[in-house]
Amino acid sequence: MKINLKNKNVLITGAAKGVGRELSLAIAENGANVALHYRESEQEAIQLVKEIERLGVHATSVQGDLANYDEVKSMKEKLGGDFGHIDMIVNNAGWAQMKGFFEYEPEEWKREVDVCFYGVLNLVYEFVPSMKDNHGKFINIVGDSARTGDRNLIVSAAARNGAISFLKSLAKEVGRSNVQCNTISLGLIDQGEFDESIVNKIVKQYPSRRLGTTSDVVGAVLFMLSDEANWITGQVLSVNGGHSMIG
C-alpha cells in the first residue's frame, strides 16, 4: 500500500523486532521520518536505523520503558532535539504473560498493567499536546483478547481494554484540535513461532483459514495513517480474519 507520509515524523514503539520492525520499514518507505523506540533491543534498533536511512529519510532510535513516566518524558526531550516534533505515534509495544489469573503471584500482574495501560497514558500525556497543530494521529495496537477476553491473557486483556476506552474518550477531547485516536485490534499473527501442527489446529477457529501476517498489520496501520482515514477517530479496527465479530 502506498500513501504519502512525506515530511511526517512518526514514532513507532516496540520497533526493533517483529511487527514493529516491518511497520517501521513500511512507514519509512512511504516517506516518513521514523523514530524507533526500543527497551532492550539496542543493536537491532541501531541496525534498523541504518536500513531506514538508506531509504532517504531520517531515522533515529530512542530507548525507554513506557511504563515509567520519567523515561517517556526523556524520550520526548530527545526526539524534540532530533525531529523537533512528532506528528504520529504507532504504539506497538506491549507486555503479556500467558497464564490463568490464579496462577499469578500478586506482584506479577503489575508490569502488564503498567505497560499496556499506563504506557499509553504516558505516551499520550507527553506527545499528544504537540500534535495539535500537525493533524496528529495516535494508533494503539492491541491483541483481540482486549475485546473478547481470554483466560490465558487475562491481565493484559483487561489493561488493553482500559486503553481502548481511554482512547475513545480522548478522541472526544482532542478531536476538535484535529488529533485522531484509534485502536487496531489483532488476531493471532504468525511470526514463525508455532510449529505446523499447532497452526493447523488454530486456523480452524478462523473463517479465513489462516493466521494473520505482518503484511496484514502493515496494511491496516498504513491506512489509518493515511489521509483516507482522516474522518475515523475513536474507533477499533479489527484485523483478525473473522475470528471474532463483535459489533
C-alpha atoms as a PDB file:
ATOM      1  CA  MET A   1       0.000   0.000   0.000  1.00  0.00           C
ATOM      2  CA  LYS A   2       1.324   3.415  -0.987  1.00  0.00           C
ATOM      3  CA  ILE A   3       0.402   6.537   0.940  1.00  0.00           C
ATOM      4  CA  ASN A   4       2.005   9.944   1.309  1.00  0.00           C
ATOM      5  CA  LEU A   5       3.785  10.426   4.621  1.00  0.00           C
ATOM      6  CA  LYS A   6       6.451  12.762   3.279  1.00  0.00           C
ATOM      7  CA  ASN A   7       7.775  15.178   5.936  1.00  0.00           C
ATOM      8  CA  LYS A   8       5.818  13.416   8.697  1.00  0.00           C
ATOM      9  CA  ASN A   9       7.688  12.396  11.852  1.00  0.00           C
ATOM     10  CA  VAL A  10       6.392   9.069  13.165  1.00  0.00           C
ATOM     11  CA  LEU A  11       7.265   7.342  16.430  1.00  0.00           C
ATOM     12  CA  ILE A  12       6.867   3.553  16.463  1.00  0.00           C
ATOM     13  CA  THR A  13       7.201   1.840  19.826  1.00  0.00           C
ATOM     14  CA  GLY A  14       8.468  -1.701  20.139  1.00  0.00           C
ATOM     15  CA  ALA A  15      10.046  -1.058  16.753  1.00  0.00           C
ATOM     16  CA  ALA A  16      13.241  -3.105  16.706  1.00  0.00           C
ATOM     17  CA  LYS A  17      11.838  -6.573  16.010  1.00  0.00           C
ATOM     18  CA  GLY A  18       8.904  -8.448  14.506  1.00  0.00           C
ATOM     19  CA  VAL A  19       5.802  -6.497  13.567  1.00  0.00           C
ATOM     20  CA  GLY A  20       7.338  -3.240  14.839  1.00  0.00           C
ATOM     21  CA  ARG A  21      10.299  -3.631  12.517  1.00  0.00           C
ATOM     22  CA  GLU A  22       8.089  -4.249   9.474  1.00  0.00           C
ATOM     23  CA  LEU A  23       5.903  -1.289  10.380  1.00  0.00           C
ATOM     24  CA  SER A  24       8.949   0.948  10.680  1.00  0.00           C
ATOM     25  CA  LEU A  25      10.261  -0.037   7.258  1.00  0.00           C
ATOM     26  CA  ALA A  26       6.872   0.367   5.583  1.00  0.00           C
ATOM     27  CA  ILE A  27       6.244   3.768   7.146  1.00  0.00           C
ATOM     28  CA  ALA A  28       9.708   4.926   6.070  1.00  0.00           C
ATOM     29  CA  GLU A  29       9.148   3.591   2.545  1.00  0.00           C
ATOM     30  CA  ASN A  30       6.120   5.870   2.357  1.00  0.00           C
ATOM     31  CA  GLY A  31       8.235   8.940   3.047  1.00  0.00           C
ATOM     32  CA  ALA A  32       8.083   9.457   6.813  1.00  0.00           C
ATOM     33  CA  ASN A  33      10.968  10.162   9.141  1.00  0.00           C
ATOM     34  CA  VAL A  34      10.935   7.431  11.746  1.00  0.00           C
ATOM     35  CA  ALA A  35      11.760   7.329  15.454  1.00  0.00           C
ATOM     36  CA  LEU A  36      12.342   3.760  16.600  1.00  0.00           C
ATOM     37  CA  HIS A  37      11.567   3.060  20.236  1.00  0.00           C
ATOM     38  CA  TYR A  38      13.051   0.052  21.968  1.00  0.00           C
ATOM     39  CA  ARG A  39      13.514  -1.053  25.550  1.00  0.00           C
ATOM     40  CA  GLU A  40      16.201  -3.743  25.379  1.00  0.00           C
ATOM     41  CA  SER A  41      16.899  -4.436  21.681  1.00  0.00           C
ATOM     42  CA  GLU A  42      19.544  -1.756  21.171  1.00  0.00           C
ATOM     43  CA  GLN A  43      21.627  -3.465  18.494  1.00  0.00           C
ATOM     44  CA  GLU A  44      18.588  -4.378  16.423  1.00  0.00           C
ATOM     45  CA  ALA A  45      17.359  -0.780  16.649  1.00  0.00           C
ATOM     46  CA  ILE A  46      20.747   0.615  15.578  1.00  0.00           C
ATOM     47  CA  GLN A  47      20.834  -1.711  12.566  1.00  0.00           C
ATOM     48  CA  LEU A  48      17.289  -0.776  11.595  1.00  0.00           C
ATOM     49  CA  VAL A  49      18.138   2.931  11.715  1.00  0.00           C
ATOM     50  CA  LYS A  50      20.865   2.271   9.134  1.00  0.00           C
ATOM     51  CA  GLU A  51      18.464   0.362   6.883  1.00  0.00           C
ATOM     52  CA  ILE A  52      15.845   3.088   7.050  1.00  0.00           C
ATOM     53  CA  GLU A  53      18.271   5.912   6.340  1.00  0.00           C
ATOM     54  CA  ARG A  54      19.227   4.132   3.109  1.00  0.00           C
ATOM     55  CA  LEU A  55      15.644   4.817   2.023  1.00  0.00           C
ATOM     56  CA  GLY A  56      16.408   8.541   2.017  1.00  0.00           C
ATOM     57  CA  VAL A  57      14.546   9.565   5.169  1.00  0.00           C
ATOM     58  CA  HIS A  58      15.730  10.494   8.640  1.00  0.00           C
ATOM     59  CA  ALA A  59      15.703   7.832  11.356  1.00  0.00           C
ATOM     60  CA  THR A  60      16.729   7.729  14.978  1.00  0.00           C
ATOM     61  CA  SER A  61      16.346   5.317  17.878  1.00  0.00           C
ATOM     62  CA  VAL A  62      15.244   6.066  21.412  1.00  0.00           C
ATOM     63  CA  GLN A  63      15.355   3.824  24.460  1.00  0.00           C
ATOM     64  CA  GLY A  64      12.799   3.865  27.229  1.00  0.00           C
ATOM     65  CA  ASP A  65      10.435   1.942  29.467  1.00  0.00           C
ATOM     66  CA  LEU A  66       6.946   3.130  28.514  1.00  0.00           C
ATOM     67  CA  ALA A  67       5.663   2.165  31.954  1.00  0.00           C
ATOM     68  CA  ASN A  68       7.951   4.778  33.504  1.00  0.00           C
ATOM     69  CA  TYR A  69       6.659   8.323  33.025  1.00  0.00           C
ATOM     70  CA  ASP A  70      10.062   9.941  33.575  1.00  0.00           C
ATOM     71  CA  GLU A  71      11.594   7.784  30.843  1.00  0.00           C
ATOM     72  CA  VAL A  72       8.805   8.671  28.412  1.00  0.00           C
ATOM     73  CA  LYS A  73       9.389  12.332  29.224  1.00  0.00           C
ATOM     74  CA  SER A  74      13.088  11.858  28.450  1.00  0.00           C
ATOM     75  CA  MET A  75      12.143  10.201  25.146  1.00  0.00           C
ATOM     76  CA  LYS A  76      10.099  13.278  24.246  1.00  0.00           C
ATOM     77  CA  GLU A  77      13.027  15.569  25.055  1.00  0.00           C
ATOM     78  CA  LYS A  78      15.464  13.529  22.957  1.00  0.00           C
ATOM     79  CA  LEU A  79      13.131  13.328  19.981  1.00  0.00           C
ATOM     80  CA  GLY A  80      12.473  17.055  20.263  1.00  0.00           C
ATOM     81  CA  GLY A  81      16.167  17.560  19.596  1.00  0.00           C
ATOM     82  CA  ASP A  82      16.236  15.053  16.731  1.00  0.00           C
ATOM     83  CA  PHE A  83      12.954  15.852  14.968  1.00  0.00           C
ATOM     84  CA  GLY A  84      11.500  18.972  16.550  1.00  0.00           C
ATOM     85  CA  HIS A  85       8.117  17.318  16.985  1.00  0.00           C
ATOM     86  CA  ILE A  86       6.288  14.011  16.475  1.00  0.00           C
ATOM     87  CA  ASP A  87       3.253  14.031  14.172  1.00  0.00           C
ATOM     88  CA  MET A  88       2.058  10.464  14.613  1.00  0.00           C
ATOM     89  CA  ILE A  89       2.543   7.562  17.014  1.00  0.00           C
ATOM     90  CA  VAL A  90       2.034   3.849  16.433  1.00  0.00           C
ATOM     91  CA  ASN A  91       2.177   2.182  19.832  1.00  0.00           C
ATOM     92  CA  ASN A  92       3.174  -1.409  19.091  1.00  0.00           C
ATOM     93  CA  ALA A  93       4.833  -2.113  22.464  1.00  0.00           C
ATOM     94  CA  GLY A  94       3.216  -4.420  24.968  1.00  0.00           C
ATOM     95  CA  TRP A  95       3.780  -6.947  27.720  1.00  0.00           C
ATOM     96  CA  ALA A  96       1.791 -10.100  28.387  1.00  0.00           C
ATOM     97  CA  GLN A  97       2.070 -13.352  30.297  1.00  0.00           C
ATOM     98  CA  MET A  98       0.077 -16.403  29.247  1.00  0.00           C
ATOM     99  CA  LYS A  99      -1.413 -17.868  32.404  1.00  0.00           C
ATOM    100  CA  GLY A 100      -4.666 -18.055  34.296  1.00  0.00           C
ATOM    101  CA  PHE A 101      -5.359 -15.399  36.907  1.00  0.00           C
ATOM    102  CA  PHE A 102      -4.884 -17.653  39.928  1.00  0.00           C
ATOM    103  CA  GLU A 103      -1.503 -18.783  38.613  1.00  0.00           C
ATOM    104  CA  TYR A 104      -0.182 -15.253  39.246  1.00  0.00           C
ATOM    105  CA  GLU A 105       1.510 -14.014  42.340  1.00  0.00           C
ATOM    106  CA  PRO A 106       0.063 -10.571  43.212  1.00  0.00           C
ATOM    107  CA  GLU A 107       3.256  -8.714  42.301  1.00  0.00           C
ATOM    108  CA  GLU A 108       3.348 -10.331  38.829  1.00  0.00           C
ATOM    109  CA  TRP A 109       0.394  -8.580  37.196  1.00  0.00           C
ATOM    110  CA  LYS A 110       1.562  -5.010  37.806  1.00  0.00           C
ATOM    111  CA  ARG A 111       4.025  -4.984  34.895  1.00  0.00           C
ATOM    112  CA  GLU A 112       1.333  -5.891  32.380  1.00  0.00           C
ATOM    113  CA  VAL A 113      -0.970  -3.122  33.575  1.00  0.00           C
ATOM    114  CA  ASP A 114       1.888  -0.619  33.697  1.00  0.00           C
ATOM    115  CA  VAL A 115       2.963  -1.268  30.080  1.00  0.00           C
ATOM    116  CA  CYS A 116      -0.379  -1.947  28.400  1.00  0.00           C
ATOM    117  CA  PHE A 117      -2.411   0.774  30.142  1.00  0.00           C
ATOM    118  CA  TYR A 118      -0.181   3.319  31.855  1.00  0.00           C
ATOM    119  CA  GLY A 119       2.278   3.173  28.951  1.00  0.00           C
ATOM    120  CA  VAL A 120      -0.466   4.525  26.694  1.00  0.00           C
ATOM    121  CA  LEU A 121      -1.324   7.284  29.171  1.00  0.00           C
ATOM    122  CA  ASN A 122       2.339   8.253  29.468  1.00  0.00           C
ATOM    123  CA  LEU A 123       2.798   8.497  25.694  1.00  0.00           C
ATOM    124  CA  VAL A 124      -0.391  10.483  25.237  1.00  0.00           C
ATOM    125  CA  TYR A 125       0.358  12.912  28.053  1.00  0.00           C
ATOM    126  CA  GLU A 126       3.795  13.741  26.698  1.00  0.00           C
ATOM    127  CA  PHE A 127       3.309  13.641  22.928  1.00  0.00           C
ATOM    128  CA  VAL A 128      -0.297  14.425  22.009  1.00  0.00           C
ATOM    129  CA  PRO A 129      -0.373  18.118  23.067  1.00  0.00           C
ATOM    130  CA  SER A 130       2.286  18.971  20.464  1.00  0.00           C
ATOM    131  CA  MET A 131       0.392  17.071  17.750  1.00  0.00           C
ATOM    132  CA  LYS A 132      -2.487  19.524  17.777  1.00  0.00           C
ATOM    133  CA  ASP A 133      -1.017  21.765  15.075  1.00  0.00           C
ATOM    134  CA  ASN A 134       0.003  18.911  12.764  1.00  0.00           C
ATOM    135  CA  HIS A 135      -3.106  16.738  12.259  1.00  0.00           C
ATOM    136  CA  GLY A 136      -1.772  14.223  14.738  1.00  0.00           C
ATOM    137  CA  LYS A 137      -2.636  10.545  14.850  1.00  0.00           C
ATOM    138  CA  PHE A 138      -2.265   8.125  17.757  1.00  0.00           C
ATOM    139  CA  ILE A 139      -2.742   4.440  16.949  1.00  0.00           C
ATOM    140  CA  ASN A 140      -2.622   1.803  19.678  1.00  0.00           C
ATOM    141  CA  ILE A 141      -2.143  -1.828  18.662  1.00  0.00           C
ATOM    142  CA  VAL A 142      -3.690  -4.478  20.908  1.00  0.00           C
ATOM    143  CA  GLY A 143      -4.493  -8.164  20.746  1.00  0.00           C
ATOM    144  CA  ASP A 144      -8.105  -9.156  20.166  1.00  0.00           C
ATOM    145  CA  SER A 145      -8.242 -10.552  23.704  1.00  0.00           C
ATOM    146  CA  ALA A 146      -8.783  -6.918  24.766  1.00  0.00           C
ATOM    147  CA  ARG A 147     -12.200  -7.087  23.062  1.00  0.00           C
ATOM    148  CA  THR A 148     -13.184 -10.705  23.619  1.00  0.00           C
ATOM    149  CA  GLY A 149     -11.429 -11.770  26.828  1.00  0.00           C
ATOM    150  CA  ASP A 150      -9.011 -14.679  27.099  1.00  0.00           C
ATOM    151  CA  ARG A 151      -8.492 -16.811  30.189  1.00  0.00           C
ATOM    152  CA  ASN A 152      -4.761 -17.132  29.419  1.00  0.00           C
ATOM    153  CA  LEU A 153      -4.214 -13.423  28.736  1.00  0.00           C
ATOM    154  CA  ILE A 154      -6.478 -12.167  31.465  1.00  0.00           C
ATOM    155  CA  VAL A 155      -4.418  -9.271  32.855  1.00  0.00           C
ATOM    156  CA  SER A 156      -3.042  -7.845  29.612  1.00  0.00           C
ATOM    157  CA  ALA A 157      -6.520  -8.132  28.051  1.00  0.00           C
ATOM    158  CA  ALA A 158      -8.021  -6.118  30.902  1.00  0.00           C
ATOM    159  CA  ALA A 159      -5.297  -3.475  30.710  1.00  0.00           C
ATOM    160  CA  ARG A 160      -5.643  -3.127  26.944  1.00  0.00           C
ATOM    161  CA  ASN A 161      -9.421  -2.906  27.179  1.00  0.00           C
ATOM    162  CA  GLY A 162      -8.873   0.014  29.518  1.00  0.00           C
ATOM    163  CA  ALA A 163      -6.618   1.597  26.905  1.00  0.00           C
ATOM    164  CA  ILE A 164      -9.347   1.180  24.278  1.00  0.00           C
ATOM    165  CA  SER A 165     -11.826   3.013  26.496  1.00  0.00           C
ATOM    166  CA  PHE A 166      -9.271   5.705  27.278  1.00  0.00           C
ATOM    167  CA  LEU A 167      -8.592   6.413  23.597  1.00  0.00           C
ATOM    168  CA  LYS A 168     -12.304   6.590  22.810  1.00  0.00           C
ATOM    169  CA  SER A 169     -12.734   9.264  25.465  1.00  0.00           C
ATOM    170  CA  LEU A 170      -9.530  11.019  24.430  1.00  0.00           C
ATOM    171  CA  ALA A 171     -10.734  11.134  20.824  1.00  0.00           C
ATOM    172  CA  LYS A 172     -13.670  13.242  22.015  1.00  0.00           C
ATOM    173  CA  GLU A 173     -11.347  15.577  23.909  1.00  0.00           C
ATOM    174  CA  VAL A 174      -8.708  16.163  21.230  1.00  0.00           C
ATOM    175  CA  GLY A 175     -10.803  15.767  18.088  1.00  0.00           C
ATOM    176  CA  ARG A 176     -11.524  19.493  17.991  1.00  0.00           C
ATOM    177  CA  SER A 177      -7.768  20.004  17.839  1.00  0.00           C
ATOM    178  CA  ASN A 178      -7.508  17.791  14.746  1.00  0.00           C
ATOM    179  CA  VAL A 179      -5.968  14.798  16.518  1.00  0.00           C
ATOM    180  CA  GLN A 180      -7.223  11.280  15.831  1.00  0.00           C
ATOM    181  CA  CYS A 181      -7.022   8.408  18.324  1.00  0.00           C
ATOM    182  CA  ASN A 182      -7.761   4.854  17.197  1.00  0.00           C
ATOM    183  CA  THR A 183      -7.073   1.244  18.121  1.00  0.00           C
ATOM    184  CA  ILE A 184      -6.103  -1.641  15.842  1.00  0.00           C
ATOM    185  CA  SER A 185      -7.087  -4.985  17.359  1.00  0.00           C
ATOM    186  CA  LEU A 186      -5.263  -8.031  16.019  1.00  0.00           C
ATOM    187  CA  GLY A 187      -5.984 -11.699  15.783  1.00  0.00           C
ATOM    188  CA  LEU A 188      -3.079 -14.104  16.028  1.00  0.00           C
ATOM    189  CA  ILE A 189      -0.178 -13.004  13.827  1.00  0.00           C
ATOM    190  CA  ASP A 190       2.091 -15.752  12.500  1.00  0.00           C
ATOM    191  CA  GLN A 191       5.710 -14.753  13.089  1.00  0.00           C
ATOM    192  CA  GLY A 192       7.097 -18.268  12.814  1.00  0.00           C
ATOM    193  CA  GLU A 193       6.899 -19.154  16.497  1.00  0.00           C
ATOM    194  CA  PHE A 194       4.394 -22.019  16.086  1.00  0.00           C
ATOM    195  CA  ASP A 195       5.029 -25.422  14.519  1.00  0.00           C
ATOM    196  CA  GLU A 196       2.776 -26.624  11.714  1.00  0.00           C
ATOM    197  CA  SER A 197       0.654 -28.957  13.843  1.00  0.00           C
ATOM    198  CA  ILE A 198      -0.257 -26.138  16.243  1.00  0.00           C
ATOM    199  CA  VAL A 199      -1.024 -23.750  13.376  1.00  0.00           C
ATOM    200  CA  ASN A 200      -3.323 -26.346  11.769  1.00  0.00           C
ATOM    201  CA  LYS A 201      -5.347 -26.523  14.985  1.00  0.00           C
ATOM    202  CA  ILE A 202      -5.515 -22.776  15.497  1.00  0.00           C
ATOM    203  CA  VAL A 203      -6.599 -21.872  11.950  1.00  0.00           C
ATOM    204  CA  LYS A 204      -9.761 -23.951  12.333  1.00  0.00           C
ATOM    205  CA  GLN A 205     -11.031 -21.096  14.517  1.00  0.00           C
ATOM    206  CA  TYR A 206     -10.594 -18.592  11.656  1.00  0.00           C
ATOM    207  CA  PRO A 207     -13.119 -18.351   8.785  1.00  0.00           C
ATOM    208  CA  SER A 208     -10.273 -17.232   6.541  1.00  0.00           C
ATOM    209  CA  ARG A 209      -8.421 -20.472   7.415  1.00  0.00           C
ATOM    210  CA  ARG A 210      -5.117 -18.758   8.047  1.00  0.00           C
ATOM    211  CA  LEU A 211      -3.337 -16.735  10.695  1.00  0.00           C
ATOM    212  CA  GLY A 212      -2.530 -13.096  10.167  1.00  0.00           C
ATOM    213  CA  THR A 213       0.718 -11.924   8.628  1.00  0.00           C
ATOM    214  CA  THR A 214       2.851  -8.865   9.243  1.00  0.00           C
ATOM    215  CA  SER A 215       1.627  -7.502   5.894  1.00  0.00           C
ATOM    216  CA  ASP A 216      -1.954  -7.621   7.215  1.00  0.00           C
ATOM    217  CA  VAL A 217      -0.881  -5.435  10.140  1.00  0.00           C
ATOM    218  CA  VAL A 218       1.163  -3.093   7.956  1.00  0.00           C
ATOM    219  CA  GLY A 219      -1.738  -2.548   5.557  1.00  0.00           C
ATOM    220  CA  ALA A 220      -4.138  -1.657   8.363  1.00  0.00           C
ATOM    221  CA  VAL A 221      -1.703   0.752  10.021  1.00  0.00           C
ATOM    222  CA  LEU A 222      -0.811   2.495   6.766  1.00  0.00           C
ATOM    223  CA  PHE A 223      -4.498   3.004   6.011  1.00  0.00           C
ATOM    224  CA  MET A 224      -5.126   4.530   9.437  1.00  0.00           C
ATOM    225  CA  LEU A 225      -2.128   6.851   8.985  1.00  0.00           C
ATOM    226  CA  SER A 226      -3.286   7.924   5.531  1.00  0.00           C
ATOM    227  CA  ASP A 227      -5.425  10.926   4.585  1.00  0.00           C
ATOM    228  CA  GLU A 228      -8.141   8.487   3.517  1.00  0.00           C
ATOM    229  CA  ALA A 229      -8.724   7.733   7.222  1.00  0.00           C
ATOM    230  CA  ASN A 230      -8.936  11.358   8.345  1.00  0.00           C
ATOM    231  CA  TRP A 231     -12.610  11.044   9.343  1.00  0.00           C
ATOM    232  CA  ILE A 232     -12.042   7.987  11.533  1.00  0.00           C
ATOM    233  CA  THR A 233     -11.465   8.538  15.241  1.00  0.00           C
ATOM    234  CA  GLY A 234     -12.354   6.851  18.494  1.00  0.00           C
ATOM    235  CA  GLN A 235     -12.711   3.527  16.695  1.00  0.00           C
ATOM    236  CA  VAL A 236     -11.427  -0.025  16.971  1.00  0.00           C
ATOM    237  CA  LEU A 237     -10.367  -1.599  13.666  1.00  0.00           C
ATOM    238  CA  SER A 238     -10.351  -5.379  13.993  1.00  0.00           C
ATOM    239  CA  VAL A 239      -7.828  -7.227  11.842  1.00  0.00           C
ATOM    240  CA  ASN A 240      -8.488 -10.808  12.817  1.00  0.00           C
ATOM    241  CA  GLY A 241      -9.544 -12.953   9.880  1.00  0.00           C
ATOM    242  CA  GLY A 242     -13.078 -13.164  11.249  1.00  0.00           C
ATOM    243  CA  HIS A 243     -12.022 -14.918  14.452  1.00  0.00           C
ATOM    244  CA  SER A 244     -14.356 -12.628  16.399  1.00  0.00           C
ATOM    245  CA  MET A 245     -17.136 -10.425  15.036  1.00  0.00           C
ATOM    246  CA  ILE A 246     -18.190  -8.099  17.812  1.00  0.00           C
ATOM    247  CA  GLY A 247     -20.363  -5.198  16.675  1.00  0.00           C
END
